Amino acid sequence: MASSVPMVSFAQDYRNDPRNDNYRVPAPVAAPMPSSFQDSARVTRSLPRYERVNIPEEQCRMETERVDGGNNGAGTQGRSIGGSIIGGIAGAVLGNQVGGGNGRTVATAAGAIGGAMIGDRVGSNMEANQGYQGPSERQVRRCTTFNRTEERIAGYDVTYQYQGRSYTTVMPNNPGNNVRVNVSVTPVAY
């Protein structure tokens, strides 16, 4: 007699079977990319930061200066026509009294020339002394440079709260009652 044996089939899991290289284990799921957004945080304190700056300044004033008087531009370099004429005549008269004949003529001419030169110098010196004025005063501008120190605001120390936690940062301007913050959310790895 024929016996009948029931056929039972079992499903086999081929995923871990090294004989089947065609089947691959699925790759693990990658962590999601972090997401970021902006939100508003409440400012609890904002204090200015000061810095000292040196600023050069020029301060000018008018002063009275005493100036020694002069001869008003008539110097010894100027020529005196009257002194030359008088000196020439006196030199010619004196030269005429020396020698005789042709020597007298030469002495007269030399006396006239020498007397004219001496008369010019004496006349110029006399005019210069007549033009002399005493000391005078004039206004002179005098300036000095000094550094003035000034305090300027260099930024603000800002304390703000977000999600119950306090944070502190330095900002270039006073943010007011609220400040915008960047928030980044990433999953925690287990």
Protein backbone atom coordinates (compact mmCIF):
# COMPACT_ATOMS: atom_id res chain seq x y z
CA MET A 1 0.00 0.00 0.00
CA ALA A 2 1.08 3.27 -0.66
CA SER A 3 1.43 5.60 2.16
CA SER A 4 1.02 9.12 1.64
CA VAL A 5 3.41 11.56 3.25
CA PRO A 6 2.23 14.99 3.37
CA MET A 7 4.61 17.46 1.77
CA VAL A 8 5.37 20.38 4.00
CA SER A 9 7.32 23.16 2.61
CA PHE A 10 9.22 25.61 4.74
CA ALA A 11 10.05 29.11 3.65
CA GLN A 12 13.71 29.77 3.88
CA ASP A 13 15.18 33.18 4.59
CA TYR A 14 17.89 33.73 2.02
CA ARG A 15 18.95 37.18 3.27
CA ASN A 16 21.67 35.86 5.51
CA ASP A 17 22.61 32.91 3.35
CA PRO A 18 26.12 33.46 1.98
CA ARG A 19 25.27 31.25 -0.99
CA ASN A 20 22.98 33.88 -2.40
CA ASP A 21 25.08 36.94 -3.31
CA ASN A 22 22.30 38.53 -5.34
CA TYR A 23 20.32 39.52 -2.31
CA ARG A 24 21.60 42.57 -0.42
CA VAL A 25 20.67 43.85 2.99
CA PRO A 26 18.95 47.20 2.67
CA ALA A 27 21.12 50.18 3.56
CA PRO A 28 20.39 51.81 6.89
CA VAL A 29 18.19 54.85 6.71
CA ALA A 30 20.28 58.06 6.77
CA ALA A 31 19.63 60.64 9.46
CA PRO A 32 17.59 63.54 8.20
CA MET A 33 19.43 66.73 7.38
CA PRO A 34 19.32 69.31 10.14
CA SER A 35 16.66 71.91 9.68
CA SER A 36 17.19 75.50 10.64
CA PHE A 37 14.94 78.52 10.87
CA GLN A 38 14.78 81.97 12.43
CA ASP A 39 12.80 82.94 15.47
CA SER A 40 12.51 85.86 17.87
CA ALA A 41 14.10 85.99 21.34
CA ARG A 42 13.36 88.43 24.17
CA VAL A 43 16.20 90.86 25.09
CA THR A 44 16.65 91.06 28.85
CA ARG A 45 19.66 93.43 28.94
CA SER A 46 21.52 95.68 26.50
CA LEU A 47 24.54 97.65 27.78
CA PRO A 48 26.70 99.94 25.62
CA ARG A 49 30.45 99.27 25.31
CA TYR A 50 32.61 102.40 25.28
CA GLU A 51 36.04 102.99 23.76
CA ARG A 52 38.34 106.00 24.16
CA VAL A 53 39.38 107.78 20.96
CA ASN A 54 42.08 110.49 20.66
CA ILE A 55 41.08 113.36 18.36
CA PRO A 56 43.82 115.89 17.46
CA GLU A 57 42.62 119.49 17.59
CA GLU A 58 44.34 122.76 16.72
CA GLN A 59 43.78 125.75 18.97
CA CYS A 60 44.81 129.20 17.66
CA ARG A 61 45.01 132.60 19.34
CA MET A 62 46.12 136.08 18.34
CA GLU A 63 49.07 137.55 20.23
CA THR A 64 50.64 140.98 20.18
CA GLU A 65 54.31 140.86 19.23
CA ARG A 66 56.76 143.71 19.76
CA VAL A 67 58.76 144.50 16.60
CA ASP A 68 61.98 146.51 16.66
CA GLY A 69 61.63 149.69 14.59
CA GLY A 70 63.58 150.20 11.37
CA ASN A 71 64.42 152.84 8.87
CA ASN A 72 61.17 152.27 6.95
CA GLY A 73 62.84 150.78 3.94
CA ALA A 74 65.48 153.48 3.46
CA GLY A 75 68.63 151.47 3.96
CA THR A 76 72.29 152.13 3.41
CA GLN A 77 71.88 150.66 -0.05
CA GLY A 78 69.86 153.70 -1.16
CA ARG A 79 71.63 156.55 -2.98
CA SER A 80 71.70 160.15 -1.73
CA ILE A 81 71.86 162.60 -4.64
CA GLY A 82 72.21 165.65 -2.40
CA GLY A 83 75.08 164.06 -0.44
CA SER A 84 76.91 163.19 -3.67
CA ILE A 85 76.67 166.76 -5.03
CA ILE A 86 77.78 168.41 -1.80
CA GLY A 87 80.59 165.86 -1.32
CA GLY A 88 81.77 166.35 -4.93
CA ILE A 89 81.94 170.12 -4.56
CA ALA A 90 83.81 169.92 -1.26
CA GLY A 91 86.26 167.37 -2.69
CA ALA A 92 86.90 169.52 -5.78
CA VAL A 93 87.61 172.59 -3.63
CA LEU A 94 90.03 170.65 -1.44
CA GLY A 95 91.69 168.99 -4.46
CA ASN A 96 92.10 172.35 -6.16
CA GLN A 97 94.25 173.60 -3.31
CA VAL A 98 96.76 170.78 -3.75
CA GLY A 99 99.57 171.04 -6.28
CA GLY A 100 99.91 173.29 -9.28
CA GLY A 101 99.47 173.15 -13.09
CA ASN A 102 98.34 169.77 -14.46
CA GLY A 103 98.68 168.26 -10.96
CA ARG A 104 96.11 170.68 -9.68
CA THR A 105 93.62 169.59 -12.38
CA VAL A 106 94.16 165.91 -11.52
CA ALA A 107 93.84 166.64 -7.77
CA THR A 108 90.59 168.61 -8.37
CA ALA A 109 89.08 165.72 -10.38
CA ALA A 110 90.18 163.12 -7.80
CA GLY A 111 88.83 165.29 -4.98
CA ALA A 112 85.47 165.65 -6.76
CA ILE A 113 85.13 161.88 -7.26
CA GLY A 114 86.25 161.00 -3.71
CA GLY A 115 84.06 163.73 -2.19
CA ALA A 116 81.01 162.53 -4.19
CA MET A 117 81.48 158.97 -2.88
CA ILE A 118 81.93 160.10 0.72
CA GLY A 119 79.01 162.54 0.45
CA ASP A 120 76.76 159.75 -0.90
CA ARG A 121 77.48 157.53 2.09
CA VAL A 122 77.13 160.28 4.65
CA GLY A 123 73.86 161.43 3.07
CA SER A 124 72.43 157.91 2.97
CA ASN A 125 73.27 157.32 6.63
CA MET A 126 71.66 160.60 7.62
CA GLU A 127 68.45 159.76 5.73
CA ALA A 128 68.39 156.31 7.29
CA ASN A 129 68.71 157.78 10.77
CA GLN A 130 65.98 160.32 10.09
CA GLY A 131 63.60 157.49 8.97
CA TYR A 132 64.16 155.39 12.13
CA GLN A 133 61.07 154.60 14.13
CA GLY A 134 60.90 153.13 17.61
CA PRO A 135 59.58 149.63 18.40
CA SER A 136 56.06 148.84 17.22
CA GLU A 137 53.51 146.09 17.81
CA ARG A 138 51.82 143.71 15.40
CA GLN A 139 49.27 140.89 15.69
CA VAL A 140 50.62 137.35 15.22
CA ARG A 141 48.55 134.14 15.00
CA ARG A 142 49.98 131.30 17.12
CA CYS A 143 48.58 127.74 16.99
CA THR A 144 49.13 124.64 19.12
CA THR A 145 47.88 121.08 18.56
CA PHE A 146 46.61 118.90 21.39
CA ASN A 147 44.75 115.58 21.68
CA ARG A 148 41.20 115.60 22.96
CA THR A 149 39.94 112.26 24.33
CA GLU A 150 36.39 111.28 23.49
CA GLU A 151 34.34 108.22 24.47
CA ARG A 152 32.36 106.52 21.72
CA ILE A 153 30.00 103.54 21.72
CA ALA A 154 31.82 100.54 20.21
CA GLY A 155 28.93 98.05 20.46
CA TYR A 156 26.43 96.53 22.90
CA ASP A 157 26.64 93.60 25.33
CA VAL A 158 23.25 91.94 24.76
CA THR A 159 21.66 89.24 26.93
CA TYR A 160 18.57 87.50 25.53
CA GLN A 161 16.36 84.53 26.43
CA TYR A 162 15.18 81.79 24.09
CA GLN A 163 13.23 78.70 25.17
CA GLY A 164 13.95 79.47 28.84
CA ARG A 165 17.75 79.71 28.41
CA SER A 166 19.89 82.88 28.55
CA TYR A 167 22.51 83.77 25.95
CA THR A 168 24.97 86.68 25.72
CA THR A 169 26.56 88.22 22.64
CA VAL A 170 28.10 91.49 21.40
CA MET A 171 26.15 93.40 18.72
CA PRO A 172 27.10 96.55 16.76
CA ASN A 173 23.70 98.21 17.42
CA ASN A 174 21.13 98.20 20.21
CA PRO A 175 18.60 95.50 19.14
CA GLY A 176 15.65 96.86 21.13
CA ASN A 177 13.21 94.52 22.95
CA ASN A 178 13.62 91.51 20.63
CA VAL A 179 16.40 89.97 18.59
CA ARG A 180 16.23 87.56 15.65
CA VAL A 181 18.03 84.25 16.27
CA ASN A 182 18.98 81.33 14.05
CA VAL A 183 17.66 78.01 15.39
CA SER A 184 19.02 74.67 14.19
CA VAL A 185 17.33 71.34 15.00
CA THR A 186 19.14 67.99 14.66
CA PRO A 187 18.12 64.55 15.96
CA VAL A 188 19.95 63.03 18.88
CA ALA A 189 21.82 59.83 18.00
CA TYR A 190 21.01 56.85 20.26
